[in-house]
Amino acid sequence: MQKILIVGSGDVARRILSRLARRYRVYALLRDSGRAVAWRNAGAKPVVADLDDRASLQRLSGLADLVLHLAPPPAEGPRDTRTRNLLAALGKSKSLPRRLVYVSTTGVYGDCAGASIDETRRLNPESARAGRRVDAERCLRRWGKQTGVQVSILRAPGIYAADRLPVERLHKGLPALVAADDVFTNHIHADDLAAACVAALRRGGANRAYNAVDDSALRMAEYFDRVADAFALPRAPRITRDQAEKTLSPVQMSFMRESRRIGNRRIKKELKLSFAYPTIDDGIAEALRSRRNACSS
């Protein structure tokens, strides 16, 4: 039975585990030992370690045939030291993993002024957060070339699910941009990102990047409106970009400065990925069904 190490134990990792537990021996890297019981009950073998503590990662050496790296970079600094620590630990054994799949972000492209782009677009990170992702990608590519490990990169946009829609934002009445200033935004349902990770483990090309985005092509305010209408909430008020710069937080504004329409042809053709939720509307409809079922039970 092949052994898989999942690094990063969030919601998407749990969705991946449900797809792998019966066919693979799955190890889950956890920083918090208090979560070990839940992961063990879900079918994984917990490995308690901290990507910020290189010494704690020694057990990872030679542990797995396949690695799924979903952990975010540190919150500060120009480099992803966590990815560097992970690769150092994996590289200590002569028995290296055959494949490593890394989930990055579409933020590595920066602002594309609403243009339609694909994976050949030059990387141009415009935030420190995206810059650390580019650093991680470059480290992984170099490591893959040096070691022969097949490294594949999935670039994911805003991840959503039934419990990860901007409902609270709408309740608070937070504004969106007027049409003239609005940006194109991209999305992927958490279940589809989990499926993309599994597909990349099976079919991902060496040093190959894939945009893990659905078929939607919406401006951000349109997205908020779709959710508001579906859940019978007031639509977000509109403000200009100048007004937004004065009233919204730097983090909120960072998502309103970058506009791009990202193509997904490569992930469909090469990884044979078929989306369960091809568009935002499909995901919203499923969220409504889940809510109705919960209310009727």
Protein backbone atom coordinates (compact mmCIF):
# COMPACT_ATOMS: atom_id res chain seq x y z
CA MET A 1 0.00 0.00 0.00
CA GLN A 2 1.41 3.39 -1.02
CA LYS A 3 2.06 5.96 1.69
CA ILE A 4 0.93 9.58 1.40
CA LEU A 5 1.95 12.48 3.62
CA ILE A 6 -0.50 15.40 3.83
CA VAL A 7 1.18 18.60 5.00
CA GLY A 8 -1.33 21.21 6.12
CA SER A 9 -4.38 19.97 7.98
CA GLY A 10 -7.19 22.34 7.04
CA ASP A 11 -10.60 21.83 5.46
CA VAL A 12 -9.33 20.86 2.01
CA ALA A 13 -6.94 18.31 3.55
CA ARG A 14 -9.86 16.63 5.31
CA ARG A 15 -11.74 16.45 2.03
CA ILE A 16 -8.69 14.88 0.39
CA LEU A 17 -8.37 12.35 3.20
CA SER A 18 -11.90 11.10 2.62
CA ARG A 19 -10.90 10.27 -0.97
CA LEU A 20 -7.65 8.49 -0.08
CA ALA A 21 -8.03 6.75 3.27
CA ARG A 22 -9.26 3.42 1.89
CA ARG A 23 -6.61 3.06 -0.81
CA TYR A 24 -3.50 4.53 0.79
CA ARG A 25 -1.77 4.70 4.12
CA VAL A 26 -2.18 8.38 4.91
CA TYR A 27 0.02 10.36 7.30
CA ALA A 28 -1.15 13.82 8.39
CA LEU A 29 1.34 16.39 9.63
CA LEU A 30 -0.24 18.24 12.55
CA ARG A 31 1.11 21.14 14.57
CA ASP A 32 -1.58 20.74 17.25
CA SER A 33 -1.48 17.38 19.01
CA GLY A 34 -5.02 18.03 20.22
CA ARG A 35 -6.28 17.34 16.71
CA ALA A 36 -4.62 13.93 16.47
CA VAL A 37 -7.63 11.92 17.67
CA ALA A 38 -9.95 13.47 15.07
CA TRP A 39 -7.52 12.76 12.25
CA ARG A 40 -6.89 9.23 13.46
CA ASN A 41 -10.63 8.59 13.57
CA ALA A 42 -10.90 9.90 10.02
CA GLY A 43 -8.38 7.32 8.81
CA ALA A 44 -4.99 9.04 8.97
CA LYS A 45 -1.93 8.42 11.09
CA PRO A 46 -1.04 11.72 12.79
CA VAL A 47 2.54 12.99 12.78
CA VAL A 48 2.90 15.84 15.26
CA ALA A 49 5.53 18.32 14.07
CA ASP A 50 5.95 22.00 13.26
CA LEU A 51 7.10 23.35 9.89
CA ASP A 52 8.65 26.29 11.73
CA ASP A 53 10.82 23.90 13.77
CA ARG A 54 13.14 22.01 11.44
CA ALA A 55 14.30 19.62 14.19
CA SER A 56 10.74 18.39 14.74
CA LEU A 57 10.47 17.24 11.11
CA GLN A 58 13.04 14.45 11.26
CA ARG A 59 10.35 11.75 11.25
CA LEU A 60 9.33 12.80 7.74
CA SER A 61 12.53 11.46 6.21
CA GLY A 62 11.67 8.45 4.04
CA LEU A 63 8.13 8.36 5.39
CA ALA A 64 6.02 8.66 2.24
CA ASP A 65 5.89 7.78 -1.44
CA LEU A 66 3.71 10.79 -2.22
CA VAL A 67 3.45 14.23 -0.59
CA LEU A 68 0.61 16.75 -0.67
CA HIS A 69 1.84 20.14 0.50
CA LEU A 70 -1.06 22.43 1.45
CA ALA A 71 0.55 24.42 4.25
CA PRO A 72 0.65 28.21 3.89
CA PRO A 73 3.91 30.17 4.08
CA PRO A 74 4.81 32.13 7.22
CA ALA A 75 2.92 35.37 7.78
CA GLU A 76 6.03 37.51 7.37
CA GLY A 77 9.27 37.71 5.45
CA PRO A 78 10.21 37.37 1.77
CA ARG A 79 10.82 33.59 1.84
CA ASP A 80 8.76 30.51 2.57
CA THR A 81 10.92 29.00 5.27
CA ARG A 82 8.31 26.33 5.95
CA THR A 83 8.69 24.84 2.48
CA ARG A 84 12.46 24.99 2.84
CA ASN A 85 12.25 23.13 6.16
CA LEU A 86 9.96 20.50 4.66
CA LEU A 87 12.28 19.86 1.70
CA ALA A 88 15.30 19.65 4.00
CA ALA A 89 13.54 16.97 6.06
CA LEU A 90 12.40 14.97 3.04
CA GLY A 91 15.85 15.16 1.48
CA LYS A 92 17.63 13.53 4.39
CA SER A 93 16.63 10.06 3.23
CA LYS A 94 17.83 8.18 0.18
CA SER A 95 14.22 7.07 -0.17
CA LEU A 96 12.67 10.24 -1.57
CA PRO A 97 8.97 10.58 -2.44
CA ARG A 98 8.12 9.91 -6.06
CA ARG A 99 5.72 12.83 -6.35
CA LEU A 100 5.01 16.06 -4.53
CA VAL A 101 1.95 18.24 -5.20
CA TYR A 102 1.96 21.81 -3.90
CA VAL A 103 -1.13 24.00 -3.62
CA SER A 104 -0.11 27.56 -4.40
CA THR A 105 -2.25 30.59 -5.24
CA THR A 106 -3.35 32.43 -8.37
CA GLY A 107 -2.14 35.55 -6.56
CA VAL A 108 1.30 34.78 -8.03
CA TYR A 109 0.10 36.37 -11.30
CA GLY A 110 -0.62 39.75 -9.71
CA ASP A 111 -2.93 42.23 -11.41
CA CYS A 112 -3.65 41.35 -15.04
CA ALA A 113 -6.10 44.24 -15.66
CA GLY A 114 -8.93 41.78 -16.29
CA ALA A 115 -7.09 39.93 -19.06
CA SER A 116 -7.71 36.25 -19.82
CA ILE A 117 -4.59 34.33 -18.83
CA ASP A 118 -3.24 30.79 -18.54
CA GLU A 119 -0.26 29.11 -16.88
CA THR A 120 2.20 30.70 -19.32
CA ARG A 121 1.57 34.15 -17.82
CA ARG A 122 4.67 35.68 -16.25
CA LEU A 123 4.55 35.61 -12.46
CA ASN A 124 4.21 39.08 -10.96
CA PRO A 125 3.27 38.90 -7.27
CA GLU A 126 2.10 42.24 -5.92
CA SER A 127 1.74 41.35 -2.25
CA ALA A 128 4.21 39.96 0.24
CA ARG A 129 1.86 37.00 0.72
CA ALA A 130 1.95 36.11 -2.98
CA GLY A 131 5.69 36.73 -3.09
CA ARG A 132 6.23 34.01 -0.49
CA ARG A 133 4.17 31.64 -2.67
CA VAL A 134 6.41 32.38 -5.65
CA ASP A 135 9.42 31.68 -3.47
CA ALA A 136 7.90 28.32 -2.50
CA GLU A 137 7.18 27.42 -6.13
CA ARG A 138 10.75 28.20 -7.18
CA CYS A 139 12.22 26.19 -4.30
CA LEU A 140 10.06 23.21 -5.18
CA ARG A 141 10.89 23.38 -8.87
CA ARG A 142 14.63 23.48 -8.16
CA TRP A 143 14.33 20.63 -5.70
CA GLY A 144 12.35 18.56 -8.17
CA LYS A 145 14.97 19.05 -10.89
CA GLN A 146 17.84 18.26 -8.53
CA THR A 147 16.31 15.15 -6.98
CA GLY A 148 14.11 13.73 -9.74
CA VAL A 149 11.00 14.01 -7.57
CA GLN A 150 8.02 14.82 -9.78
CA VAL A 151 6.74 18.18 -8.53
CA SER A 152 3.37 19.53 -9.66
CA ILE A 153 1.88 22.88 -8.67
CA LEU A 154 -1.80 23.74 -8.36
CA ARG A 155 -2.57 27.46 -8.32
CA ALA A 156 -5.85 27.97 -6.50
CA PRO A 157 -7.94 31.15 -6.25
CA GLY A 158 -10.62 31.91 -3.65
CA ILE A 159 -11.69 28.58 -2.12
CA TYR A 160 -15.34 28.34 -1.14
CA ALA A 161 -17.83 25.76 0.13
CA ALA A 162 -21.29 25.74 1.69
CA ASP A 163 -19.87 27.11 4.93
CA ARG A 164 -17.34 29.40 3.25
CA LEU A 165 -19.56 31.82 1.33
CA PRO A 166 -19.48 35.60 2.05
CA VAL A 167 -22.74 35.48 4.00
CA GLU A 168 -21.30 37.17 7.09
CA ARG A 169 -19.84 39.94 4.94
CA LEU A 170 -23.26 40.58 3.46
CA HIS A 171 -24.88 40.59 6.90
CA LYS A 172 -22.39 43.27 7.94
CA GLY A 173 -23.20 45.36 4.89
CA LEU A 174 -19.58 45.62 3.76
CA PRO A 175 -19.31 47.36 0.39
CA ALA A 176 -18.25 46.18 -3.05
CA LEU A 177 -16.79 48.24 -5.86
CA VAL A 178 -18.85 50.06 -8.46
CA ALA A 179 -18.86 48.43 -11.89
CA ALA A 180 -16.31 50.84 -13.36
CA ASP A 181 -13.75 49.95 -10.67
CA ASP A 182 -14.63 46.29 -10.06
CA VAL A 183 -12.26 43.37 -10.61
CA PHE A 184 -12.65 39.91 -12.07
CA THR A 185 -12.31 37.21 -9.45
CA ASN A 186 -11.79 33.46 -9.69
CA HIS A 187 -13.04 30.58 -7.54
CA ILE A 188 -12.84 26.86 -6.82
CA HIS A 189 -15.09 24.75 -4.61
CA ALA A 190 -13.20 23.00 -1.80
CA ASP A 191 -14.40 19.61 -3.05
CA ASP A 192 -13.09 20.34 -6.54
CA LEU A 193 -9.74 21.47 -5.20
CA ALA A 194 -9.53 18.21 -3.23
CA ALA A 195 -10.29 16.30 -6.44
CA ALA A 196 -7.64 18.32 -8.29
CA CYS A 197 -5.04 17.38 -5.67
CA VAL A 198 -5.83 13.68 -6.08
CA ALA A 199 -5.73 14.02 -9.88
CA ALA A 200 -2.34 15.75 -9.69
CA LEU A 201 -0.98 12.91 -7.54
CA ARG A 202 -1.93 10.50 -10.30
CA ARG A 203 -1.31 12.46 -13.51
CA GLY A 204 0.59 15.66 -12.67
CA GLY A 205 3.53 16.45 -14.89
CA ALA A 206 7.02 17.12 -13.59
CA ASN A 207 7.58 20.83 -12.86
CA ARG A 208 4.15 21.53 -14.31
CA ALA A 209 1.76 24.20 -12.99
CA TYR A 210 -2.03 23.97 -13.24
CA ASN A 211 -4.64 26.64 -12.62
CA ALA A 212 -7.19 25.02 -10.29
CA VAL A 213 -10.08 27.35 -11.10
CA ASP A 214 -13.69 26.68 -12.10
CA ASP A 215 -15.52 27.94 -15.19
CA SER A 216 -16.95 31.09 -13.60
CA ALA A 217 -15.99 34.51 -14.95
CA LEU A 218 -17.53 36.97 -12.51
CA ARG A 219 -16.65 40.35 -11.18
CA MET A 220 -16.37 40.43 -7.40
CA ALA A 221 -19.58 42.41 -6.87
CA GLU A 222 -21.46 39.99 -9.12
CA TYR A 223 -20.28 37.14 -6.92
CA PHE A 224 -21.53 38.89 -3.81
CA ASP A 225 -24.85 39.59 -5.54
CA ARG A 226 -25.33 35.93 -6.48
CA VAL A 227 -24.87 34.91 -2.84
CA ALA A 228 -27.06 37.73 -1.54
CA ASP A 229 -29.93 36.88 -3.89
CA ALA A 230 -29.72 33.16 -3.13
CA PHE A 231 -29.83 33.70 0.64
CA ALA A 232 -32.37 36.54 0.52
CA LEU A 233 -29.89 39.10 1.87
CA PRO A 234 -29.43 42.76 0.89
CA ARG A 235 -26.91 43.25 -1.89
CA ALA A 236 -23.61 44.84 -0.97
CA PRO A 237 -23.60 48.64 -1.30
CA ARG A 238 -21.31 50.00 -4.01
CA ILE A 239 -18.47 52.44 -3.50
CA THR A 240 -15.67 53.77 -5.70
CA ARG A 241 -12.10 52.56 -5.45
CA ASP A 242 -11.05 55.85 -3.91
CA GLN A 243 -13.72 55.45 -1.23
CA ALA A 244 -12.69 51.84 -0.63
CA GLU A 245 -9.05 52.82 -0.10
CA LYS A 246 -10.20 55.11 2.72
CA THR A 247 -12.66 52.73 4.42
CA LEU A 248 -11.57 49.11 3.91
CA SER A 249 -8.67 47.30 5.55
CA PRO A 250 -5.41 46.69 3.66
CA VAL A 251 -6.21 42.96 3.52
CA GLN A 252 -9.67 43.58 2.06
CA MET A 253 -8.23 46.02 -0.47
CA SER A 254 -5.51 43.58 -1.54
CA PHE A 255 -8.20 41.39 -3.12
CA MET A 256 -9.77 44.39 -4.86
CA ARG A 257 -6.61 45.53 -6.61
CA GLU A 258 -6.04 42.44 -8.77
CA SER A 259 -8.23 41.53 -11.73
CA ARG A 260 -7.76 38.47 -13.91
CA ARG A 261 -9.77 35.82 -15.75
CA ILE A 262 -7.91 32.55 -15.40
CA GLY A 263 -8.26 29.67 -17.82
CA ASN A 264 -8.48 26.03 -16.69
CA ARG A 265 -7.95 24.19 -19.97
CA ARG A 266 -4.72 22.53 -18.81
CA ILE A 267 -6.18 21.00 -15.64
CA LYS A 268 -9.11 19.59 -17.59
CA LYS A 269 -7.03 18.23 -20.46
CA GLU A 270 -3.95 16.92 -18.64
CA LEU A 271 -5.36 15.95 -15.24
CA LYS A 272 -8.75 14.84 -16.65
CA LEU A 273 -10.51 16.86 -13.95
CA SER A 274 -14.28 17.08 -14.13
CA PHE A 275 -15.74 19.68 -11.78
CA ALA A 276 -18.52 18.75 -9.38
CA TYR A 277 -19.25 22.49 -9.19
CA PRO A 278 -18.32 24.03 -12.56
CA THR A 279 -19.62 27.46 -11.59
CA ILE A 280 -20.33 29.55 -8.52
CA ASP A 281 -24.05 29.07 -9.18
CA ASP A 282 -23.63 25.30 -8.83
CA GLY A 283 -21.86 25.74 -5.50
CA ILE A 284 -24.46 28.16 -4.19
CA ALA A 285 -27.26 25.79 -5.19
CA GLU A 286 -25.60 22.97 -3.25
CA ALA A 287 -25.20 25.26 -0.22
CA LEU A 288 -28.92 26.02 -0.31
CA ARG A 289 -29.76 22.31 -0.56
CA SER A 290 -27.51 21.59 2.42
CA ARG A 291 -29.22 24.32 4.43
CA ARG A 292 -32.69 23.01 3.60
CA ASN A 293 -31.70 19.46 4.50
CA ALA A 294 -30.25 20.63 7.82
CA CYS A 295 -33.43 22.55 8.64
CA SER A 296 -35.69 19.61 7.78
CA SER A 297 -33.73 17.02 9.76
